[in-house]
Amino acid sequence: MNLQQAQDTMQAAGFYLLRDRDATGQNRFQVNDRNWIVTRQEPPADQTLPISTVVTLWAKKIGE
């Protein structure tokens, strides 16, 4: 799932406290979210959490 889709999905579920990070460790900014693929999230998706939880989406550019 690309970063934009992930953000849209999280917001549709009521989560608005979202952070995104470069999964490669290069600390790049995700300017065009559709060009980035989510590799993981914290906390993991298999948990039931309050919507006040800050969710971090780790992504890398497509093709990396």
Foldseek 3Di string as FASTA:
>chain_A
DFQVVVQVVLVVVPADQEAEAAQVPPGDDCPPRRQKDFDAKPPHPVDDDDSVDYMYTYIHGPPD
